[in-house]
Amino acid sequence: MLKKYATPMKLQLVGKAWEIRYSLRQEMKRWGGQSLLIERLPPASATSTASK
C-alpha cells in the first residue's frame, strides 16, 4: 500500500517500487506531462536546515 506524505517543502512516497513509479506517472500527467518532478519541488537549499 502506497503512502504519500506531502508538505509544501517535501514529498515522500513510501511503498513498493511499482506503486511509486505509477504514482509519479499519474502526477506527471496531472501536471501536464512534460514537466519534471524537480520543477515541482522547492530548491534543496530551502529544505535544508543548519543545526549548530
Protein backbone atom coordinates (compact mmCIF):
# COMPACT_ATOMS: atom_id res chain seq x y z
CA MET A 1 0.00 0.00 0.00
CA LEU A 2 1.42 3.33 -1.10
CA LYS A 3 1.64 6.08 1.47
CA LYS A 4 2.15 9.65 0.39
CA TYR A 5 3.33 12.40 2.71
CA ALA A 6 3.30 15.84 1.12
CA THR A 7 4.06 19.23 2.57
CA PRO A 8 4.86 22.44 0.71
CA MET A 9 8.55 21.72 1.21
CA LYS A 10 8.73 17.92 0.91
CA LEU A 11 7.26 14.96 -0.92
CA GLN A 12 7.75 11.47 0.48
CA LEU A 13 6.37 8.29 -1.09
CA VAL A 14 6.55 5.03 0.82
CA GLY A 15 5.64 1.76 -0.83
CA LYS A 16 6.72 -0.74 -3.42
CA ALA A 17 8.76 0.50 -6.37
CA TRP A 18 6.00 -0.15 -8.92
CA GLU A 19 3.50 1.79 -6.78
CA ILE A 20 5.83 4.76 -6.54
CA ARG A 21 6.53 4.73 -10.30
CA TYR A 22 2.81 4.53 -11.04
CA SER A 23 2.02 7.38 -8.65
CA LEU A 24 4.76 9.57 -10.14
CA ARG A 25 3.46 8.90 -13.66
CA GLN A 26 -0.03 9.91 -12.56
CA GLU A 27 1.30 13.13 -11.02
CA MET A 28 3.23 13.91 -14.20
CA LYS A 29 0.04 13.55 -16.25
CA ARG A 30 -1.79 15.78 -13.81
CA TRP A 31 0.94 18.44 -14.06
CA GLY A 32 0.86 18.45 -17.85
CA GLY A 33 3.07 15.54 -18.85
CA GLN A 34 6.18 17.49 -19.86
CA SER A 35 7.19 18.98 -16.51
CA LEU A 36 9.90 17.42 -14.38
CA LEU A 37 9.47 16.44 -10.75
CA ILE A 38 12.39 18.67 -9.81
CA GLU A 39 10.43 21.65 -11.18
CA ARG A 40 7.55 20.90 -8.81
CA LEU A 41 9.62 20.64 -5.62
CA PRO A 42 11.26 23.56 -3.81
CA PRO A 43 15.05 24.02 -4.08
CA ALA A 44 17.13 21.79 -1.82
CA SER A 45 18.62 24.80 -0.03
CA ALA A 46 15.12 25.82 1.08
CA THR A 47 14.50 22.44 2.71
CA SER A 48 17.82 22.01 4.50
CA THR A 49 18.29 23.38 7.97
CA ALA A 50 21.56 24.04 9.71
CA SER A 51 21.67 22.81 13.28
CA LYS A 52 24.68 24.23 15.06
